[in-house]
Amino acid sequence: KSYTLAEVSKHKSRDDCWIIVKNKVYDVTSYVEEHPGGDSILNNAGGDSTEGFFGPQHVTRVFQMIDDFCIGELESS
């Protein structure tokens, strides 16, 4: 499934949190409360989190678990 940026941007709350990482869309709502960095996961909710996702704060494990949350691709404009 593909989503537009406008569709993704509607999901930017603690109870409905989608992020974009490298043009893939992830529904991380179920992970928000578990996120070790607390509310920082909400900084780019509803938008592109690529830069933050690949920041030095993330351990290798996050790269393995992110695929579990993938719900589709960002529609190319």
PDB file of N, CA and C in Angstrom:
ATOM      1  N   LYS A   1       0.858  -1.193   0.000  1.00  0.00           N
ATOM      2  CA  LYS A   1       0.000   0.000   0.000  1.00  0.00           C
ATOM      3  C   LYS A   1       0.886   1.232   0.000  1.00  0.00           C
ATOM      4  N   SER A   2       0.418   2.272  -0.656  1.00  0.00           N
ATOM      5  CA  SER A   2       1.166   3.528  -0.634  1.00  0.00           C
ATOM      6  C   SER A   2       0.301   4.631  -0.028  1.00  0.00           C
ATOM      7  N   TYR A   3       0.988   5.571   0.622  1.00  0.00           N
ATOM      8  CA  TYR A   3       0.332   6.675   1.316  1.00  0.00           C
ATOM      9  C   TYR A   3       0.929   7.989   0.848  1.00  0.00           C
ATOM     10  N   THR A   4       0.098   9.016   0.801  1.00  0.00           N
ATOM     11  CA  THR A   4       0.600  10.351   0.489  1.00  0.00           C
ATOM     12  C   THR A   4       1.123  10.985   1.778  1.00  0.00           C
ATOM     13  N   LEU A   5       1.937  12.003   1.617  1.00  0.00           N
ATOM     14  CA  LEU A   5       2.431  12.734   2.781  1.00  0.00           C
ATOM     15  C   LEU A   5       1.267  13.337   3.556  1.00  0.00           C
ATOM     16  N   ALA A   6       0.241  13.787   2.849  1.00  0.00           N
ATOM     17  CA  ALA A   6      -0.942  14.359   3.509  1.00  0.00           C
ATOM     18  C   ALA A   6      -1.635  13.318   4.382  1.00  0.00           C
ATOM     19  N   GLU A   7      -1.712  12.072   3.914  1.00  0.00           N
ATOM     20  CA  GLU A   7      -2.336  11.007   4.717  1.00  0.00           C
ATOM     21  C   GLU A   7      -1.505  10.715   5.962  1.00  0.00           C
ATOM     22  N   VAL A   8      -0.198  10.612   5.784  1.00  0.00           N
ATOM     23  CA  VAL A   8       0.689  10.318   6.908  1.00  0.00           C
ATOM     24  C   VAL A   8       0.628  11.433   7.943  1.00  0.00           C
ATOM     25  N   SER A   9       0.537  12.673   7.481  1.00  0.00           N
ATOM     26  CA  SER A   9       0.570  13.823   8.395  1.00  0.00           C
ATOM     27  C   SER A   9      -0.612  13.871   9.361  1.00  0.00           C
ATOM     28  N   LYS A  10      -1.651  13.102   9.101  1.00  0.00           N
ATOM     29  CA  LYS A  10      -2.808  13.063  10.002  1.00  0.00           C
ATOM     30  C   LYS A  10      -2.557  12.182  11.229  1.00  0.00           C
ATOM     31  N   HIS A  11      -1.470  11.431  11.219  1.00  0.00           N
ATOM     32  CA  HIS A  11      -1.179  10.461  12.284  1.00  0.00           C
ATOM     33  C   HIS A  11       0.013  10.949  13.101  1.00  0.00           C
ATOM     34  N   LYS A  12      -0.240  11.931  13.951  1.00  0.00           N
ATOM     35  CA  LYS A  12       0.874  12.568  14.657  1.00  0.00           C
ATOM     36  C   LYS A  12       0.657  12.714  16.158  1.00  0.00           C
ATOM     37  N   SER A  13      -0.081  11.787  16.731  1.00  0.00           N
ATOM     38  CA  SER A  13      -0.321  11.868  18.172  1.00  0.00           C
ATOM     39  C   SER A  13       0.176  10.600  18.875  1.00  0.00           C
ATOM     40  N   ARG A  14       0.203  10.655  20.173  1.00  0.00           N
ATOM     41  CA  ARG A  14       0.619   9.514  20.984  1.00  0.00           C
ATOM     42  C   ARG A  14      -0.251   8.286  20.709  1.00  0.00           C
ATOM     43  N   ASP A  15      -1.528   8.511  20.433  1.00  0.00           N
ATOM     44  CA  ASP A  15      -2.467   7.412  20.214  1.00  0.00           C
ATOM     45  C   ASP A  15      -2.597   7.005  18.754  1.00  0.00           C
ATOM     46  N   ASP A  16      -1.896   7.690  17.876  1.00  0.00           N
ATOM     47  CA  ASP A  16      -1.978   7.415  16.438  1.00  0.00           C
ATOM     48  C   ASP A  16      -0.722   8.000  15.799  1.00  0.00           C
ATOM     49  N   CYS A  17       0.352   7.223  15.810  1.00  0.00           N
ATOM     50  CA  CYS A  17       1.668   7.741  15.435  1.00  0.00           C
ATOM     51  C   CYS A  17       2.267   6.984  14.252  1.00  0.00           C
ATOM     52  N   TRP A  18       2.369   7.689  13.135  1.00  0.00           N
ATOM     53  CA  TRP A  18       3.029   7.146  11.952  1.00  0.00           C
ATOM     54  C   TRP A  18       4.270   7.973  11.679  1.00  0.00           C
ATOM     55  N   ILE A  19       5.305   7.309  11.180  1.00  0.00           N
ATOM     56  CA  ILE A  19       6.522   8.013  10.783  1.00  0.00           C
ATOM     57  C   ILE A  19       6.963   7.510   9.412  1.00  0.00           C
ATOM     58  N   ILE A  20       7.802   8.297   8.775  1.00  0.00           N
ATOM     59  CA  ILE A  20       8.392   7.925   7.489  1.00  0.00           C
ATOM     60  C   ILE A  20       9.895   7.772   7.704  1.00  0.00           C
ATOM     61  N   VAL A  21      10.444   6.665   7.234  1.00  0.00           N
ATOM     62  CA  VAL A  21      11.885   6.446   7.261  1.00  0.00           C
ATOM     63  C   VAL A  21      12.279   5.917   5.885  1.00  0.00           C
ATOM     64  N   LYS A  22      13.110   6.675   5.194  1.00  0.00           N
ATOM     65  CA  LYS A  22      13.559   6.300   3.845  1.00  0.00           C
ATOM     66  C   LYS A  22      12.396   5.914   2.939  1.00  0.00           C
ATOM     67  N   ASN A  23      11.384   6.765   2.908  1.00  0.00           N
ATOM     68  CA  ASN A  23      10.213   6.610   2.032  1.00  0.00           C
ATOM     69  C   ASN A  23       9.348   5.390   2.319  1.00  0.00           C
ATOM     70  N   LYS A  24       9.517   4.794   3.497  1.00  0.00           N
ATOM     71  CA  LYS A  24       8.598   3.745   3.937  1.00  0.00           C
ATOM     72  C   LYS A  24       7.787   4.312   5.098  1.00  0.00           C
ATOM     73  N   VAL A  25       6.539   3.866   5.209  1.00  0.00           N
ATOM     74  CA  VAL A  25       5.635   4.370   6.246  1.00  0.00           C
ATOM     75  C   VAL A  25       5.502   3.314   7.334  1.00  0.00           C
ATOM     76  N   TYR A  26       5.638   3.774   8.572  1.00  0.00           N
ATOM     77  CA  TYR A  26       5.582   2.882   9.726  1.00  0.00           C
ATOM     78  C   TYR A  26       4.522   3.370  10.716  1.00  0.00           C
ATOM     79  N   ASP A  27       3.706   2.455  11.187  1.00  0.00           N
ATOM     80  CA  ASP A  27       2.751   2.764  12.249  1.00  0.00           C
ATOM     81  C   ASP A  27       3.396   2.317  13.549  1.00  0.00           C
ATOM     82  N   VAL A  28       3.938   3.269  14.291  1.00  0.00           N
ATOM     83  CA  VAL A  28       4.658   2.956  15.527  1.00  0.00           C
ATOM     84  C   VAL A  28       3.824   3.249  16.772  1.00  0.00           C
ATOM     85  N   THR A  29       2.514   3.374  16.591  1.00  0.00           N
ATOM     86  CA  THR A  29       1.619   3.699  17.714  1.00  0.00           C
ATOM     87  C   THR A  29       1.828   2.761  18.892  1.00  0.00           C
ATOM     88  N   SER A  30       1.925   1.471  18.626  1.00  0.00           N
ATOM     89  CA  SER A  30       2.056   0.498  19.711  1.00  0.00           C
ATOM     90  C   SER A  30       3.416   0.569  20.392  1.00  0.00           C
ATOM     91  N   TYR A  31       4.359   1.281  19.802  1.00  0.00           N
ATOM     92  CA  TYR A  31       5.713   1.371  20.361  1.00  0.00           C
ATOM     93  C   TYR A  31       5.965   2.674  21.123  1.00  0.00           C
ATOM     94  N   VAL A  32       5.089   3.639  20.978  1.00  0.00           N
ATOM     95  CA  VAL A  32       5.314   4.961  21.577  1.00  0.00           C
ATOM     96  C   VAL A  32       5.608   4.866  23.074  1.00  0.00           C
ATOM     97  N   GLU A  33       4.812   4.112  23.806  1.00  0.00           N
ATOM     98  CA  GLU A  33       4.995   4.022  25.261  1.00  0.00           C
ATOM     99  C   GLU A  33       6.270   3.278  25.642  1.00  0.00           C
ATOM    100  N   GLU A  34       6.753   2.399  24.774  1.00  0.00           N
ATOM    101  CA  GLU A  34       7.964   1.613  25.056  1.00  0.00           C
ATOM    102  C   GLU A  34       9.234   2.326  24.617  1.00  0.00           C
ATOM    103  N   HIS A  35       9.113   3.367  23.826  1.00  0.00           N
ATOM    104  CA  HIS A  35      10.276   4.032  23.247  1.00  0.00           C
ATOM    105  C   HIS A  35      11.232   4.502  24.337  1.00  0.00           C
ATOM    106  N   PRO A  36      12.478   3.996  24.326  1.00  0.00           N
ATOM    107  CA  PRO A  36      13.441   4.363  25.373  1.00  0.00           C
ATOM    108  C   PRO A  36      13.740   5.852  25.432  1.00  0.00           C
ATOM    109  N   GLY A  37      13.558   6.553  24.331  1.00  0.00           N
ATOM    110  CA  GLY A  37      13.816   7.995  24.297  1.00  0.00           C
ATOM    111  C   GLY A  37      12.604   8.816  24.677  1.00  0.00           C
ATOM    112  N   GLY A  38      11.603   8.158  25.248  1.00  0.00           N
ATOM    113  CA  GLY A  38      10.399   8.869  25.669  1.00  0.00           C
ATOM    114  C   GLY A  38       9.666   9.506  24.508  1.00  0.00           C
ATOM    115  N   ASP A  39       9.210  10.731  24.712  1.00  0.00           N
ATOM    116  CA  ASP A  39       8.390  11.419  23.724  1.00  0.00           C
ATOM    117  C   ASP A  39       9.164  11.898  22.495  1.00  0.00           C
ATOM    118  N   SER A  40      10.465  11.681  22.466  1.00  0.00           N
ATOM    119  CA  SER A  40      11.222  12.120  21.283  1.00  0.00           C
ATOM    120  C   SER A  40      10.734  11.422  20.023  1.00  0.00           C
ATOM    121  N   ILE A  41      10.114  10.270  20.174  1.00  0.00           N
ATOM    122  CA  ILE A  41       9.558   9.570  19.013  1.00  0.00           C
ATOM    123  C   ILE A  41       8.438  10.392  18.368  1.00  0.00           C
ATOM    124  N   LEU A  42       7.839  11.298  19.130  1.00  0.00           N
ATOM    125  CA  LEU A  42       6.748  12.129  18.610  1.00  0.00           C
ATOM    126  C   LEU A  42       7.243  13.381  17.882  1.00  0.00           C
ATOM    127  N   ASN A  43       8.547  13.662  17.969  1.00  0.00           N
ATOM    128  CA  ASN A  43       9.089  14.880  17.350  1.00  0.00           C
ATOM    129  C   ASN A  43       8.772  14.984  15.871  1.00  0.00           C
ATOM    130  N   ASN A  44       8.821  13.869  15.166  1.00  0.00           N
ATOM    131  CA  ASN A  44       8.547  13.878  13.731  1.00  0.00           C
ATOM    132  C   ASN A  44       7.337  13.031  13.382  1.00  0.00           C
ATOM    133  N   ALA A  45       6.471  12.809  14.348  1.00  0.00           N
ATOM    134  CA  ALA A  45       5.264  12.020  14.104  1.00  0.00           C
ATOM    135  C   ALA A  45       4.465  12.652  12.976  1.00  0.00           C
ATOM    136  N   GLY A  46       3.987  11.828  12.070  1.00  0.00           N
ATOM    137  CA  GLY A  46       3.237  12.331  10.937  1.00  0.00           C
ATOM    138  C   GLY A  46       4.116  12.885   9.836  1.00  0.00           C
ATOM    139  N   GLY A  47       5.412  12.668   9.955  1.00  0.00           N
ATOM    140  CA  GLY A  47       6.341  13.199   8.956  1.00  0.00           C
ATOM    141  C   GLY A  47       7.580  12.339   8.822  1.00  0.00           C
ATOM    142  N   ASP A  48       8.614  12.924   8.247  1.00  0.00           N
ATOM    143  CA  ASP A  48       9.841  12.190   7.958  1.00  0.00           C
ATOM    144  C   ASP A  48      10.758  12.133   9.172  1.00  0.00           C
ATOM    145  N   SER A  49      11.031  10.919   9.621  1.00  0.00           N
ATOM    146  CA  SER A  49      11.885  10.693  10.785  1.00  0.00           C
ATOM    147  C   SER A  49      13.220  10.080  10.400  1.00  0.00           C
ATOM    148  N   THR A  50      13.549  10.100   9.121  1.00  0.00           N
ATOM    149  CA  THR A  50      14.764   9.430   8.651  1.00  0.00           C
ATOM    150  C   THR A  50      16.006   9.908   9.383  1.00  0.00           C
ATOM    151  N   GLU A  51      16.186  11.214   9.467  1.00  0.00           N
ATOM    152  CA  GLU A  51      17.390  11.760  10.098  1.00  0.00           C
ATOM    153  C   GLU A  51      17.495  11.339  11.565  1.00  0.00           C
ATOM    154  N   GLY A  52      16.406  11.467  12.302  1.00  0.00           N
ATOM    155  CA  GLY A  52      16.409  11.075  13.706  1.00  0.00           C
ATOM    156  C   GLY A  52      16.575   9.583  13.898  1.00  0.00           C
ATOM    157  N   PHE A  53      15.976   8.818  13.010  1.00  0.00           N
ATOM    158  CA  PHE A  53      16.051   7.364  13.115  1.00  0.00           C
ATOM    159  C   PHE A  53      17.488   6.871  12.986  1.00  0.00           C
ATOM    160  N   PHE A  54      18.249   7.486  12.100  1.00  0.00           N
ATOM    161  CA  PHE A  54      19.629   7.067  11.880  1.00  0.00           C
ATOM    162  C   PHE A  54      20.620   7.826  12.752  1.00  0.00           C
ATOM    163  N   GLY A  55      20.123   8.478  13.801  1.00  0.00           N
ATOM    164  CA  GLY A  55      20.985   9.205  14.726  1.00  0.00           C
ATOM    165  C   GLY A  55      21.795   8.261  15.604  1.00  0.00           C
ATOM    166  N   PRO A  56      22.810   8.792  16.264  1.00  0.00           N
ATOM    167  CA  PRO A  56      23.721   7.978  17.069  1.00  0.00           C
ATOM    168  C   PRO A  56      23.077   7.361  18.314  1.00  0.00           C
ATOM    169  N   GLN A  57      21.906   7.836  18.684  1.00  0.00           N
ATOM    170  CA  GLN A  57      21.247   7.332  19.892  1.00  0.00           C
ATOM    171  C   GLN A  57      20.644   5.940  19.700  1.00  0.00           C
ATOM    172  N   HIS A  58      20.462   5.516  18.454  1.00  0.00           N
ATOM    173  CA  HIS A  58      19.816   4.229  18.211  1.00  0.00           C
ATOM    174  C   HIS A  58      20.824   3.090  18.132  1.00  0.00           C
ATOM    175  N   VAL A  59      20.500   2.042  18.856  1.00  0.00           N
ATOM    176  CA  VAL A  59      21.333   0.846  18.817  1.00  0.00           C
ATOM    177  C   VAL A  59      20.926  -0.012  17.620  1.00  0.00           C
ATOM    178  N   THR A  60      21.747  -0.956  17.277  1.00  0.00           N
ATOM    179  CA  THR A  60      21.516  -1.806  16.101  1.00  0.00           C
ATOM    180  C   THR A  60      20.154  -2.481  16.133  1.00  0.00           C
ATOM    181  N   ARG A  61      19.668  -2.819  17.306  1.00  0.00           N
ATOM    182  CA  ARG A  61      18.396  -3.541  17.442  1.00  0.00           C
ATOM    183  C   ARG A  61      17.232  -2.812  16.771  1.00  0.00           C
ATOM    184  N   VAL A  62      17.248  -1.488  16.800  1.00  0.00           N
ATOM    185  CA  VAL A  62      16.152  -0.713  16.224  1.00  0.00           C
ATOM    186  C   VAL A  62      16.048  -0.936  14.713  1.00  0.00           C
ATOM    187  N   PHE A  63      17.174  -1.187  14.064  1.00  0.00           N
ATOM    188  CA  PHE A  63      17.163  -1.419  12.617  1.00  0.00           C
ATOM    189  C   PHE A  63      16.543  -2.768  12.282  1.00  0.00           C
ATOM    190  N   GLN A  64      16.605  -3.691  13.224  1.00  0.00           N
ATOM    191  CA  GLN A  64      16.015  -5.011  13.015  1.00  0.00           C
ATOM    192  C   GLN A  64      14.522  -5.017  13.316  1.00  0.00           C
ATOM    193  N   MET A  65      14.106  -4.231  14.275  1.00  0.00           N
ATOM    194  CA  MET A  65      12.698  -4.272  14.690  1.00  0.00           C
ATOM    195  C   MET A  65      11.786  -3.337  13.904  1.00  0.00           C
ATOM    196  N   ILE A  66      12.336  -2.347  13.202  1.00  0.00           N
ATOM    197  CA  ILE A  66      11.489  -1.367  12.517  1.00  0.00           C
ATOM    198  C   ILE A  66      10.600  -2.008  11.452  1.00  0.00           C
ATOM    199  N   ASP A  67      11.084  -3.048  10.800  1.00  0.00           N
ATOM    200  CA  ASP A  67      10.298  -3.678   9.739  1.00  0.00           C
ATOM    201  C   ASP A  67       8.968  -4.228  10.240  1.00  0.00           C
ATOM    202  N   ASP A  68       8.894  -4.578  11.512  1.00  0.00           N
ATOM    203  CA  ASP A  68       7.648  -5.088  12.090  1.00  0.00           C
ATOM    204  C   ASP A  68       6.529  -4.045  12.043  1.00  0.00           C
ATOM    205  N   PHE A  69       6.884  -2.776  11.938  1.00  0.00           N
ATOM    206  CA  PHE A  69       5.915  -1.687  11.976  1.00  0.00           C
ATOM    207  C   PHE A  69       5.579  -1.129  10.595  1.00  0.00           C
ATOM    208  N   CYS A  70       6.215  -1.656   9.552  1.00  0.00           N
ATOM    209  CA  CYS A  70       6.027  -1.127   8.201  1.00  0.00           C
ATOM    210  C   CYS A  70       4.611  -1.424   7.697  1.00  0.00           C
ATOM    211  N   ILE A  71       3.936  -0.368   7.222  1.00  0.00           N
ATOM    212  CA  ILE A  71       2.574  -0.540   6.687  1.00  0.00           C
ATOM    213  C   ILE A  71       2.484  -0.167   5.213  1.00  0.00           C
ATOM    214  N   GLY A  72       3.578   0.360   4.651  1.00  0.00           N
ATOM    215  CA  GLY A  72       3.546   0.708   3.235  1.00  0.00           C
ATOM    216  C   GLY A  72       4.665   1.636   2.836  1.00  0.00           C
ATOM    217  N   GLU A  73       4.499   2.222   1.665  1.00  0.00           N
ATOM    218  CA  GLU A  73       5.489   3.123   1.090  1.00  0.00           C
ATOM    219  C   GLU A  73       4.911   4.525   0.974  1.00  0.00           C
ATOM    220  N   LEU A  74       5.787   5.503   0.959  1.00  0.00           N
ATOM    221  CA  LEU A  74       5.369   6.866   0.707  1.00  0.00           C
ATOM    222  C   LEU A  74       5.176   7.017  -0.791  1.00  0.00           C
ATOM    223  N   GLU A  75       4.034   7.536  -1.181  1.00  0.00           N
ATOM    224  CA  GLU A  75       3.735   7.726  -2.591  1.00  0.00           C
ATOM    225  C   GLU A  75       4.675   8.770  -3.167  1.00  0.00           C
ATOM    226  N   SER A  76       5.286   8.456  -4.287  1.00  0.00           N
ATOM    227  CA  SER A  76       6.189   9.433  -4.892  1.00  0.00           C
ATOM    228  C   SER A  76       5.367  10.512  -5.601  1.00  0.00           C
ATOM    229  N   SER A  77       5.861  11.734  -5.515  1.00  0.00           N
ATOM    230  CA  SER A  77       5.097  12.848  -6.074  1.00  0.00           C
ATOM    231  C   SER A  77       5.393  13.075  -7.534  1.00  0.00           C
TER     232      SER A  77
END
